[in-house]
N, C-alpha and C. Protein backbone atom coordinates (compact mmCIF):
# COMPACT_ATOMS: atom_id res chain seq x y z
N MET A 1 121.18 50.90 -5.10
CA MET A 1 122.17 50.41 -6.27
C MET A 1 122.80 49.18 -5.86
N PRO A 2 122.71 48.01 -6.50
CA PRO A 2 123.76 46.91 -6.16
C PRO A 2 125.22 46.89 -6.08
N ILE A 3 125.83 46.35 -5.26
CA ILE A 3 127.25 46.51 -5.21
C ILE A 3 127.54 45.28 -6.44
N THR A 4 128.69 45.73 -7.02
CA THR A 4 128.82 45.05 -8.06
C THR A 4 130.36 44.26 -7.33
N ASP A 5 130.52 42.81 -7.54
CA ASP A 5 131.55 42.37 -6.82
C ASP A 5 131.35 40.74 -7.37
N ALA A 6 132.59 39.97 -7.40
CA ALA A 6 132.55 38.73 -8.24
C ALA A 6 131.67 37.82 -7.02
N PRO A 7 130.95 37.07 -7.70
CA PRO A 7 129.95 36.10 -6.65
C PRO A 7 131.04 35.47 -5.83
N PHE A 8 130.48 35.17 -4.54
CA PHE A 8 131.42 34.45 -3.54
C PHE A 8 131.21 33.21 -3.78
N LYS A 9 132.02 32.25 -3.56
CA LYS A 9 131.74 30.58 -3.77
C LYS A 9 133.04 30.15 -2.11
N ILE A 10 132.45 29.34 -1.40
CA ILE A 10 133.32 28.95 -0.40
C ILE A 10 133.95 27.59 -1.12
N THR A 11 135.27 27.68 -0.99
CA THR A 11 135.91 26.49 -1.67
C THR A 11 136.08 25.61 -1.01
N GLU A 12 136.05 24.26 -1.57
CA GLU A 12 136.53 22.72 -1.30
C GLU A 12 137.57 22.95 -0.09
N ASN A 13 138.43 23.67 -0.22
CA ASN A 13 139.58 23.57 0.86
C ASN A 13 138.91 24.23 2.32
N LEU A 14 137.90 25.21 1.88
CA LEU A 14 137.41 25.71 3.19
C LEU A 14 136.51 24.76 4.14
N LEU A 15 135.72 24.19 3.30
CA LEU A 15 135.07 23.34 3.55
C LEU A 15 135.69 22.06 4.27
N GLU A 16 136.74 21.54 3.76
CA GLU A 16 137.63 20.53 4.19
C GLU A 16 138.23 20.91 5.83
N GLU A 17 138.34 22.32 5.89
CA GLU A 17 139.02 22.99 6.95
C GLU A 17 138.00 22.60 8.25
N ILE A 18 136.64 23.24 7.95
CA ILE A 18 135.74 22.77 8.73
C ILE A 18 135.29 21.60 9.24
N ALA A 19 135.65 20.44 8.32
CA ALA A 19 135.33 19.02 8.52
C ALA A 19 136.67 18.63 9.34
N ARG A 20 137.89 19.08 9.21
CA ARG A 20 138.76 18.69 10.15
C ARG A 20 139.08 19.30 11.65
N HIS A 21 138.55 20.50 11.49
CA HIS A 21 138.82 21.43 12.63
C HIS A 21 137.53 21.74 13.62
N GLY A 22 136.48 21.80 12.44
CA GLY A 22 135.19 22.42 13.50
C GLY A 22 134.91 23.89 12.89
N TYR A 23 136.01 24.59 12.52
CA TYR A 23 135.86 26.06 12.52
C TYR A 23 136.78 26.46 10.95
N VAL A 24 136.72 27.80 10.66
CA VAL A 24 137.36 28.40 9.68
C VAL A 24 137.30 29.86 9.95
N ILE A 25 138.59 30.55 9.31
CA ILE A 25 138.68 31.87 9.33
C ILE A 25 138.84 32.50 7.70
N ILE A 26 137.75 32.98 7.58
CA ILE A 26 137.79 33.72 6.12
C ILE A 26 138.14 35.20 6.01
N ASP A 27 138.97 35.69 5.75
CA ASP A 27 139.63 37.14 5.47
C ASP A 27 138.83 37.76 4.06
N ASN A 28 138.42 38.95 4.24
CA ASN A 28 137.97 39.69 3.39
C ASN A 28 136.73 39.04 2.50
N PHE A 29 135.75 38.87 3.67
CA PHE A 29 134.46 37.88 3.10
C PHE A 29 133.47 39.11 2.23
N LEU A 30 133.72 40.22 2.43
CA LEU A 30 132.71 41.17 1.97
C LEU A 30 133.94 42.51 1.33
N PRO A 31 133.34 43.32 0.42
CA PRO A 31 134.33 44.19 -0.27
C PRO A 31 134.72 45.22 1.13
N ASP A 32 135.70 46.07 0.98
CA ASP A 32 135.84 47.06 1.62
C ASP A 32 134.84 48.19 1.80
N SER A 33 134.61 48.57 0.74
CA SER A 33 133.15 49.59 0.52
C SER A 33 131.89 49.08 1.47
N ALA A 34 131.75 47.84 1.36
CA ALA A 34 130.49 47.09 2.15
C ALA A 34 130.64 47.11 3.50
N ILE A 35 131.83 46.55 4.19
CA ILE A 35 132.16 46.74 5.22
C ILE A 35 131.93 48.25 5.99
N ARG A 36 132.64 49.12 5.19
CA ARG A 36 132.35 50.58 5.93
C ARG A 36 131.06 50.89 5.90
N ALA A 37 130.40 50.57 4.91
CA ALA A 37 128.57 50.89 4.70
C ALA A 37 127.78 50.22 6.07
N LEU A 38 128.42 49.06 6.35
CA LEU A 38 127.76 48.50 7.37
C LEU A 38 128.30 48.74 8.70
N ASN A 39 129.30 49.09 9.07
CA ASN A 39 129.94 49.92 10.16
C ASN A 39 129.24 51.27 10.33
N ARG A 40 129.09 52.05 9.20
CA ARG A 40 128.07 53.34 9.57
C ARG A 40 127.00 52.82 9.49
N GLN A 41 125.80 51.86 9.14
CA GLN A 41 124.67 51.47 9.46
C GLN A 41 124.65 51.30 11.07
N ALA A 42 125.58 50.60 11.46
CA ALA A 42 125.45 50.00 12.97
C ALA A 42 125.73 51.35 14.03
N ARG A 43 126.42 52.17 13.73
CA ARG A 43 126.41 53.27 14.39
C ARG A 43 125.37 54.23 14.57
N THR A 44 124.79 54.39 13.13
CA THR A 44 123.77 55.15 12.83
C THR A 44 122.50 54.65 13.75
N LEU A 45 122.45 53.42 13.88
CA LEU A 45 121.47 52.73 14.70
C LEU A 45 121.44 52.99 16.19
N LYS A 46 122.71 53.09 16.26
CA LYS A 46 123.13 52.97 17.99
C LYS A 46 123.04 54.76 18.31
N THR A 47 123.28 55.58 17.57
CA THR A 47 122.98 56.83 17.59
C THR A 47 121.67 57.24 17.85
N ALA A 48 120.71 56.39 17.19
CA ALA A 48 119.11 56.80 17.18
C ALA A 48 118.56 55.70 18.11
N GLY A 49 119.33 55.32 18.89
CA GLY A 49 118.86 54.80 20.21
C GLY A 49 118.16 53.26 19.94
N SER A 50 118.46 52.74 18.92
CA SER A 50 117.62 51.26 18.24
C SER A 50 118.31 50.46 18.57
N LEU A 51 119.47 50.14 19.08
CA LEU A 51 119.76 48.98 19.61
C LEU A 51 119.22 48.70 21.04
N LYS A 52 119.35 47.27 21.44
CA LYS A 52 118.89 47.22 22.85
C LYS A 52 120.00 46.40 23.74
N GLN A 53 119.70 46.52 24.73
CA GLN A 53 121.21 45.65 25.57
C GLN A 53 120.65 44.22 25.53
N ALA A 54 122.07 43.69 25.24
CA ALA A 54 121.96 41.95 25.10
C ALA A 54 121.58 41.19 26.10
N ALA A 55 120.84 40.16 26.32
CA ALA A 55 120.54 39.40 27.57
C ALA A 55 121.30 38.23 27.52
N ILE A 56 121.20 37.56 28.60
CA ILE A 56 121.93 36.31 28.48
C ILE A 56 120.98 35.28 29.06
N GLY A 57 120.70 33.86 28.76
CA GLY A 57 120.10 32.94 29.25
C GLY A 57 119.09 32.41 28.06
N LYS A 58 118.30 31.58 28.44
CA LYS A 58 117.02 31.30 27.63
C LYS A 58 116.01 32.27 27.24
N ALA A 59 115.03 32.22 26.60
CA ALA A 59 113.99 33.23 26.33
C ALA A 59 113.14 33.24 27.72
N ALA A 60 112.83 32.33 27.95
CA ALA A 60 111.78 32.26 29.30
C ALA A 60 112.28 33.01 30.59
N ALA A 61 113.86 32.90 30.62
CA ALA A 61 114.44 33.72 32.02
C ALA A 61 115.61 34.36 31.54
N GLN A 62 115.58 35.13 30.66
CA GLN A 62 116.79 35.92 30.09
C GLN A 62 116.83 36.84 30.93
N GLN A 63 117.96 37.54 31.47
CA GLN A 63 118.30 38.50 31.74
C GLN A 63 119.71 39.38 31.61
N GLN A 64 119.61 40.76 31.83
CA GLN A 64 120.74 41.39 31.42
C GLN A 64 121.85 41.77 32.56
N ASP A 65 123.13 41.43 32.30
CA ASP A 65 124.14 41.39 33.13
C ASP A 65 125.21 42.08 32.45
N SER A 66 125.60 43.44 32.53
CA SER A 66 126.75 43.72 31.57
C SER A 66 127.76 43.52 31.92
N LYS A 67 128.13 43.09 32.89
CA LYS A 67 129.71 42.17 33.63
C LYS A 67 129.81 40.90 33.23
N VAL A 68 128.70 40.31 32.33
CA VAL A 68 128.70 39.11 31.64
C VAL A 68 128.87 39.16 30.13
N ARG A 69 127.80 39.98 29.78
CA ARG A 69 127.63 40.58 28.13
C ARG A 69 127.29 41.93 28.22
N GLY A 70 128.32 42.55 27.42
CA GLY A 70 127.98 44.31 27.60
C GLY A 70 127.64 44.71 26.14
N ASP A 71 127.39 43.78 25.22
CA ASP A 71 127.03 44.67 23.99
C ASP A 71 125.48 44.73 23.74
N SER A 72 125.24 45.92 22.86
CA SER A 72 124.04 46.19 22.57
C SER A 72 123.66 45.68 21.04
N ILE A 73 122.39 45.32 20.66
CA ILE A 73 122.21 44.29 19.34
C ILE A 73 120.97 44.86 18.80
N PHE A 74 121.14 44.87 17.39
CA PHE A 74 119.75 45.18 16.72
C PHE A 74 119.60 44.06 15.61
N TRP A 75 118.31 43.18 15.57
CA TRP A 75 118.28 42.07 14.69
C TRP A 75 118.13 42.62 13.40
N LEU A 76 118.69 41.92 12.36
CA LEU A 76 118.49 42.34 11.01
C LEU A 76 116.97 42.13 10.41
N ASP A 77 116.18 41.31 10.98
CA ASP A 77 114.76 41.39 10.50
C ASP A 77 114.07 42.57 10.55
N GLU A 78 114.60 43.48 11.45
CA GLU A 78 114.02 44.92 11.99
C GLU A 78 114.72 45.77 10.78
N ALA A 79 115.66 45.50 10.16
CA ALA A 79 116.43 46.89 9.42
C ALA A 79 115.71 46.73 8.26
N GLY A 80 115.69 48.00 7.75
CA GLY A 80 115.18 48.12 6.15
C GLY A 80 116.35 47.87 5.15
N PRO A 81 116.06 47.40 4.00
CA PRO A 81 116.99 46.77 3.23
C PRO A 81 117.93 47.91 2.94
N SER A 82 119.28 47.40 2.38
CA SER A 82 120.18 48.08 1.60
C SER A 82 121.34 47.03 0.97
N PRO A 83 121.80 47.57 -0.15
CA PRO A 83 123.03 47.12 -1.05
C PRO A 83 123.85 46.36 -0.38
N GLU A 84 124.39 46.72 1.15
CA GLU A 84 125.19 45.95 1.56
C GLU A 84 124.81 44.79 2.39
N LEU A 85 123.63 45.23 2.87
CA LEU A 85 122.93 44.12 3.68
C LEU A 85 122.63 43.14 2.71
N ALA A 86 122.06 43.44 1.69
CA ALA A 86 121.57 42.34 0.46
C ALA A 86 122.71 41.41 -0.06
N LEU A 87 123.85 42.00 0.07
CA LEU A 87 125.23 41.25 -0.40
C LEU A 87 125.68 40.24 0.51
N TYR A 88 125.52 40.87 2.02
CA TYR A 88 125.90 40.16 3.07
C TYR A 88 125.25 38.66 3.21
N LEU A 89 123.55 39.12 3.09
CA LEU A 89 122.69 37.99 3.33
C LEU A 89 122.76 37.00 1.98
N SER A 90 122.88 37.55 1.07
CA SER A 90 123.42 36.70 -0.37
C SER A 90 124.39 35.56 -0.07
N ARG A 91 125.47 36.36 0.46
CA ARG A 91 126.58 35.43 0.63
C ARG A 91 126.45 34.47 1.60
N MET A 92 125.68 34.84 2.58
CA MET A 92 125.46 33.97 3.75
C MET A 92 124.53 32.63 3.50
N GLN A 93 123.50 33.11 2.36
CA GLN A 93 122.65 32.12 1.75
C GLN A 93 123.56 31.06 0.78
N SER A 94 124.72 31.29 0.44
CA SER A 94 125.72 30.65 -0.59
C SER A 94 126.14 29.75 0.13
N LEU A 95 126.69 30.14 1.58
CA LEU A 95 127.46 29.61 2.70
C LEU A 95 126.38 28.46 3.00
N GLN A 96 125.41 28.78 3.67
CA GLN A 96 124.16 27.91 3.89
C GLN A 96 124.26 26.67 3.10
N GLU A 97 124.07 26.90 1.45
CA GLU A 97 123.92 26.09 0.50
C GLU A 97 124.87 25.11 0.66
N SER A 98 126.17 25.72 0.58
CA SER A 98 127.62 24.93 0.74
C SER A 98 127.65 24.02 1.83
N LEU A 99 127.16 24.49 2.94
CA LEU A 99 127.27 23.81 4.11
C LEU A 99 126.65 22.63 3.95
N ASN A 100 125.26 23.00 3.61
CA ASN A 100 124.05 21.76 3.62
C ASN A 100 124.53 20.63 2.43
N ARG A 101 125.32 20.91 1.42
CA ARG A 101 125.59 20.08 0.53
C ARG A 101 126.72 19.33 1.04
N TYR A 102 127.76 19.82 1.73
CA TYR A 102 128.90 19.24 2.10
C TYR A 102 128.77 18.29 3.32
N PHE A 103 127.76 18.81 4.29
CA PHE A 103 127.73 18.38 5.81
C PHE A 103 126.31 17.77 5.78
N PHE A 104 125.45 17.89 4.74
CA PHE A 104 124.15 17.56 5.01
C PHE A 104 123.47 17.64 6.57
N LEU A 105 123.35 19.03 6.59
CA LEU A 105 123.08 19.41 8.03
C LEU A 105 121.51 19.92 8.32
N GLY A 106 120.94 20.05 6.90
CA GLY A 106 119.73 20.32 7.05
C GLY A 106 119.52 21.87 7.25
N LEU A 107 120.11 22.76 7.38
CA LEU A 107 119.97 24.28 7.67
C LEU A 107 118.84 24.86 7.00
N PHE A 108 118.08 25.52 7.65
CA PHE A 108 117.25 26.16 6.72
C PHE A 108 116.89 27.57 7.19
N GLU A 109 117.63 28.21 7.72
CA GLU A 109 117.21 29.74 8.52
C GLU A 109 118.60 30.16 8.66
N PHE A 110 118.71 31.27 8.57
CA PHE A 110 119.96 32.16 9.40
C PHE A 110 119.21 33.36 9.85
N GLU A 111 119.91 33.14 11.29
CA GLU A 111 119.43 34.85 11.83
C GLU A 111 120.68 35.51 12.44
N THR A 112 120.52 36.88 12.23
CA THR A 112 121.89 37.74 12.47
C THR A 112 121.43 38.73 13.06
N HIS A 113 122.35 39.77 14.00
CA HIS A 113 122.15 40.73 14.33
C HIS A 113 123.40 41.47 14.19
N PHE A 114 123.41 42.91 14.43
CA PHE A 114 124.55 43.63 14.73
C PHE A 114 124.70 43.75 16.16
N ALA A 115 125.94 43.71 16.50
CA ALA A 115 126.52 43.66 18.07
C ALA A 115 127.32 44.71 18.29
N VAL A 116 127.21 45.83 18.73
CA VAL A 116 128.10 46.83 19.22
C VAL A 116 128.23 46.97 20.84
N TYR A 117 129.99 46.73 21.18
CA TYR A 117 130.33 46.51 22.34
C TYR A 117 131.04 48.00 22.76
N PRO A 118 130.67 48.74 23.57
CA PRO A 118 131.29 49.86 23.94
C PRO A 118 132.92 49.55 24.35
N PRO A 119 133.58 50.50 24.65
CA PRO A 119 135.07 50.45 25.48
C PRO A 119 134.86 49.96 26.67
N GLY A 120 135.49 48.63 26.68
CA GLY A 120 135.88 47.84 27.99
C GLY A 120 134.76 46.67 28.14
N ALA A 121 133.63 46.83 27.41
CA ALA A 121 132.76 45.48 27.18
C ALA A 121 133.16 44.10 27.22
N VAL A 122 132.42 43.31 27.43
CA VAL A 122 133.12 42.02 27.52
C VAL A 122 131.80 41.16 27.21
N TYR A 123 132.10 39.95 26.68
CA TYR A 123 131.20 38.68 26.69
C TYR A 123 131.78 37.60 27.03
N ARG A 124 131.50 37.29 28.27
CA ARG A 124 132.40 35.88 29.28
C ARG A 124 132.13 34.50 28.43
N LYS A 125 133.02 33.89 28.67
CA LYS A 125 132.95 32.29 28.06
C LYS A 125 131.93 31.94 28.09
N HIS A 126 131.04 31.37 26.79
CA HIS A 126 129.90 30.87 26.49
C HIS A 126 130.01 29.92 25.49
N LEU A 127 128.97 29.46 25.31
CA LEU A 127 128.53 28.50 24.30
C LEU A 127 127.50 28.73 23.39
N ASP A 128 127.10 28.85 22.23
CA ASP A 128 126.17 29.23 21.19
C ASP A 128 124.95 28.25 21.31
N GLN A 129 125.25 27.07 22.14
CA GLN A 129 124.15 26.14 21.89
C GLN A 129 124.02 25.64 23.13
N PHE A 130 122.47 25.70 23.38
CA PHE A 130 122.06 25.10 24.63
C PHE A 130 122.02 23.59 24.61
N ARG A 131 122.27 23.03 25.85
CA ARG A 131 122.15 21.60 25.88
C ARG A 131 120.70 20.93 25.17
N ASP A 132 119.57 21.68 25.72
CA ASP A 132 118.45 20.90 25.18
C ASP A 132 117.56 22.02 24.19
N GLN A 133 118.50 22.71 23.36
CA GLN A 133 117.96 23.58 22.44
C GLN A 133 118.91 23.75 21.66
N GLN A 134 118.77 22.74 20.30
CA GLN A 134 120.31 22.79 19.54
C GLN A 134 120.13 23.22 18.27
N GLU A 135 119.09 23.87 18.09
CA GLU A 135 118.74 24.32 16.73
C GLU A 135 119.96 25.16 15.98
N ARG A 136 120.80 26.15 16.55
CA ARG A 136 121.82 26.52 16.17
C ARG A 136 122.68 25.49 15.56
N GLN A 137 123.40 25.73 14.70
CA GLN A 137 124.14 24.29 14.42
C GLN A 137 125.61 25.00 14.04
N VAL A 138 125.74 26.32 13.58
CA VAL A 138 126.66 26.95 12.89
C VAL A 138 126.94 28.35 13.11
N SER A 139 127.84 28.83 13.78
CA SER A 139 127.82 30.27 14.03
C SER A 139 128.77 31.23 13.17
N ALA A 140 128.54 32.42 12.82
CA ALA A 140 129.22 33.15 11.99
C ALA A 140 129.14 34.58 12.70
N ILE A 141 130.64 34.94 12.88
CA ILE A 141 130.59 36.44 13.08
C ILE A 141 131.76 37.25 12.06
N LEU A 142 130.90 38.22 11.20
CA LEU A 142 131.45 39.28 10.56
C LEU A 142 132.21 40.28 11.39
N TYR A 143 133.27 40.71 11.25
CA TYR A 143 133.85 41.89 11.99
C TYR A 143 133.73 43.07 11.10
N LEU A 144 133.34 44.24 11.61
CA LEU A 144 133.22 45.70 10.76
C LEU A 144 134.09 46.79 11.42
N ASN A 145 134.95 46.49 11.82
CA ASN A 145 136.10 47.25 12.76
C ASN A 145 137.26 47.81 11.71
N THR A 146 136.79 49.02 11.04
CA THR A 146 137.78 49.54 10.41
C THR A 146 139.06 50.01 10.92
N ASP A 147 140.23 50.11 10.52
CA ASP A 147 141.28 50.40 11.03
C ASP A 147 141.62 50.28 12.55
N TRP A 148 141.32 48.87 12.47
CA TRP A 148 141.51 48.10 13.86
C TRP A 148 143.23 47.97 14.12
N GLN A 149 143.50 48.24 15.22
CA GLN A 149 145.11 48.45 15.37
C GLN A 149 145.16 46.94 16.76
N PRO A 150 146.52 46.41 16.69
CA PRO A 150 146.64 45.37 17.54
C PRO A 150 146.20 45.76 18.72
N ASP A 151 146.75 46.95 19.10
CA ASP A 151 146.67 47.33 20.88
C ASP A 151 145.25 47.95 21.09
N ASP A 152 144.31 47.63 20.11
CA ASP A 152 142.76 48.07 20.37
C ASP A 152 141.99 46.68 21.25
N GLY A 153 142.92 45.72 21.08
CA GLY A 153 141.87 44.73 21.88
C GLY A 153 140.88 44.03 21.45
N GLY A 154 139.92 43.89 22.05
CA GLY A 154 138.57 43.24 21.60
C GLY A 154 138.70 41.90 21.02
N GLU A 155 139.71 40.89 21.03
CA GLU A 155 139.85 39.71 20.32
C GLU A 155 138.57 38.84 20.77
N LEU A 156 138.62 38.06 19.86
CA LEU A 156 137.55 36.69 20.38
C LEU A 156 138.65 35.67 20.85
N ARG A 157 138.24 35.12 21.90
CA ARG A 157 139.01 34.03 22.54
C ARG A 157 138.52 32.94 22.44
N PHE A 158 139.02 32.07 21.67
CA PHE A 158 138.11 30.97 20.57
C PHE A 158 138.85 29.62 21.32
N TYR A 159 138.09 29.00 22.21
CA TYR A 159 138.76 27.56 23.04
C TYR A 159 138.39 26.63 22.29
N LEU A 160 139.81 25.86 21.95
CA LEU A 160 139.75 24.69 20.91
C LEU A 160 139.69 23.37 21.68
N ASN A 161 139.27 23.67 22.83
CA ASN A 161 139.11 22.03 23.64
C ASN A 161 138.44 22.62 24.71
N GLY A 162 137.17 22.19 24.83
CA GLY A 162 135.93 22.98 25.55
C GLY A 162 136.46 22.70 26.91
N THR A 163 137.10 21.55 27.79
CA THR A 163 137.18 21.04 28.63
C THR A 163 138.46 21.79 29.21
N SER A 164 139.13 22.71 28.53
CA SER A 164 140.27 23.27 29.08
C SER A 164 140.53 24.49 28.79
N ASP A 165 140.81 25.65 29.57
CA ASP A 165 140.90 26.83 29.51
C ASP A 165 142.39 27.18 28.94
N GLN A 166 143.33 26.48 28.66
CA GLN A 166 144.49 26.64 28.22
C GLN A 166 144.81 26.54 27.07
N SER A 167 143.93 25.90 25.98
CA SER A 167 144.00 25.66 24.71
C SER A 167 143.06 26.56 23.79
N PHE A 168 143.83 27.76 23.60
CA PHE A 168 142.58 28.85 22.95
C PHE A 168 143.64 29.62 21.88
N ILE A 169 143.07 30.14 20.88
CA ILE A 169 143.68 31.02 19.96
C ILE A 169 142.61 32.37 20.23
N ASP A 170 143.65 33.60 20.11
CA ASP A 170 142.93 35.02 19.99
C ASP A 170 142.69 35.63 18.52
N ILE A 171 141.47 35.75 18.35
CA ILE A 171 141.17 36.08 16.76
C ILE A 171 140.80 37.69 16.89
N ALA A 172 141.65 38.63 16.31
CA ALA A 172 141.53 40.03 16.20
C ALA A 172 140.25 40.25 15.43
N PRO A 173 139.52 41.14 15.91
CA PRO A 173 138.21 41.61 15.23
C PRO A 173 138.10 42.58 14.04
N VAL A 174 139.35 42.05 13.10
CA VAL A 174 139.78 43.25 12.06
C VAL A 174 138.44 43.31 10.89
N ALA A 175 138.19 44.12 10.21
CA ALA A 175 137.34 44.35 9.12
C ALA A 175 137.43 43.38 8.10
N GLY A 176 136.17 42.87 7.92
CA GLY A 176 136.11 41.85 6.52
C GLY A 176 136.50 40.39 6.94
N LYS A 177 136.69 40.10 8.24
CA LYS A 177 136.96 38.46 8.44
C LYS A 177 135.70 38.07 9.28
N LEU A 178 135.66 36.91 8.54
CA LEU A 178 134.45 35.81 8.94
C LEU A 178 135.07 34.82 9.52
N VAL A 179 134.49 34.83 10.88
CA VAL A 179 134.92 33.48 11.62
C VAL A 179 133.50 32.47 11.63
N LEU A 180 133.81 31.38 11.22
CA LEU A 180 132.42 30.26 10.98
C LEU A 180 132.79 29.03 11.96
N PHE A 181 132.08 28.76 12.64
CA PHE A 181 132.44 27.34 13.35
C PHE A 181 130.90 26.77 13.77
N LEU A 182 131.09 25.40 14.67
CA LEU A 182 130.16 24.51 14.80
C LEU A 182 129.63 25.18 16.18
N SER A 183 128.60 25.55 16.31
CA SER A 183 127.83 26.58 17.56
C SER A 183 128.14 25.61 18.76
N GLY A 184 127.76 24.04 18.67
CA GLY A 184 127.80 23.62 19.83
C GLY A 184 129.13 22.82 20.32
N GLU A 185 130.20 23.05 19.84
CA GLU A 185 131.68 22.67 19.94
C GLU A 185 132.66 23.67 20.60
N PHE A 186 132.61 24.84 20.39
CA PHE A 186 133.61 25.81 20.89
C PHE A 186 133.29 26.82 21.57
N PRO A 187 133.24 26.66 22.66
CA PRO A 187 133.12 27.75 23.96
C PRO A 187 133.92 29.15 23.46
N HIS A 188 133.58 30.40 23.66
CA HIS A 188 134.57 31.39 23.09
C HIS A 188 134.33 32.68 24.05
N GLU A 189 134.81 33.73 24.09
CA GLU A 189 134.25 34.91 24.78
C GLU A 189 135.09 36.24 23.75
N VAL A 190 134.63 37.17 24.30
CA VAL A 190 134.86 38.62 23.90
C VAL A 190 135.70 39.38 24.87
N LEU A 191 137.12 39.43 24.65
CA LEU A 191 138.04 40.18 25.54
C LEU A 191 137.68 41.71 25.40
N PRO A 192 137.75 42.71 26.45
CA PRO A 192 137.85 44.08 26.44
C PRO A 192 138.47 44.89 25.20
N ALA A 193 137.81 45.86 24.66
CA ALA A 193 138.51 46.67 23.84
C ALA A 193 138.72 47.86 24.38
N ARG A 194 139.69 48.68 23.64
CA ARG A 194 139.89 49.97 24.03
C ARG A 194 138.95 51.14 23.08
N ARG A 195 138.28 50.91 22.26
CA ARG A 195 137.51 51.40 21.27
C ARG A 195 136.34 50.90 21.09
N GLN A 196 135.22 51.11 20.63
CA GLN A 196 134.03 50.56 20.14
C GLN A 196 133.92 49.50 19.03
N ARG A 197 133.55 48.24 19.48
CA ARG A 197 133.72 46.93 18.44
C ARG A 197 132.54 46.69 18.08
N ILE A 198 132.45 46.46 16.61
CA ILE A 198 131.45 46.22 15.93
C ILE A 198 131.29 44.71 14.93
N SER A 199 130.43 43.77 15.10
CA SER A 199 130.21 42.84 14.34
C SER A 199 128.68 42.73 13.73
N LEU A 200 128.69 41.65 12.81
CA LEU A 200 127.57 40.85 12.44
C LEU A 200 127.37 40.02 12.74
N THR A 201 126.63 39.16 13.74
CA THR A 201 126.87 37.97 14.62
C THR A 201 125.29 37.31 14.31
N GLY A 202 125.55 35.89 13.59
CA GLY A 202 124.61 34.92 13.16
C GLY A 202 124.76 33.50 13.52
N TRP A 203 123.59 32.89 13.20
CA TRP A 203 123.60 31.36 13.34
C TRP A 203 122.91 30.63 12.18
N PHE A 204 123.14 29.80 11.77
CA PHE A 204 122.61 28.95 10.84
C PHE A 204 121.86 27.83 11.54
N ARG A 205 120.97 27.71 11.19
CA ARG A 205 119.69 26.92 12.47
C ARG A 205 119.06 25.68 11.26
N THR A 206 118.74 24.96 12.32
CA THR A 206 117.88 23.72 11.75
C THR A 206 116.72 23.91 12.17
N ARG A 207 115.47 23.19 11.90
CA ARG A 207 114.47 22.97 12.47
C ARG A 207 114.40 21.70 13.70
N ALA A 208 113.67 22.23 14.85
CA ALA A 208 114.03 21.39 15.83
C ALA A 208 113.77 19.95 15.60
N GLN A 209 113.32 19.57 14.66
CA GLN A 209 112.89 17.98 14.63
C GLN A 209 114.13 17.61 13.57
N ASP A 210 114.59 18.32 12.96
CA ASP A 210 115.76 17.68 11.74
C ASP A 210 116.90 17.59 12.80
N ILE A 211 117.11 17.89 13.96
CA ILE A 211 118.45 17.77 14.86
C ILE A 211 118.80 16.23 14.93
N ARG A 212 119.75 15.60 14.75
CA ARG A 212 120.34 14.19 14.81
C ARG A 212 120.89 14.08 16.12
């Protein structure tokens, strides 16, 4: 049964924010009922053993190192349909269309996965785009952590100047918050949390030949 909710439209102000700063934070991206349902879906997949330990590095040389990256993931192209996933993907499609109209990025694909961090797990400082592999143009992280408290930790440490560790903001992974940013511009890391931390993490991609 489809979720009834007002159609999502990214506003001109939000697009201008991305143009000025390279990132934007959007609260209440999905209805609370959808966030809670997606949270349950991720936890059910974890309990069933369907998540895989995430790896670091490019495909040919990927390796697992929980001291560097401690989350487990499940790609959504492996998931069965649900009204909540349909709504999420519909809104990401709307975002993709708006980004293409405003920035002429040539985005043609959105890839995404659940990411589940156990208590204490981290993802050390990294960039979402490899120097010689730039298909990922815009990163999108949607947090699914209901009833998250300030002392739960797990912030996204978002570095505003890639050459400096001193200029950063910490973003709490509160349910319904979407962080959208240029994949090749902002190093970031996940700080340890006191409880399980869940997100939907994805990237808007171009075809390799479309990259300028």
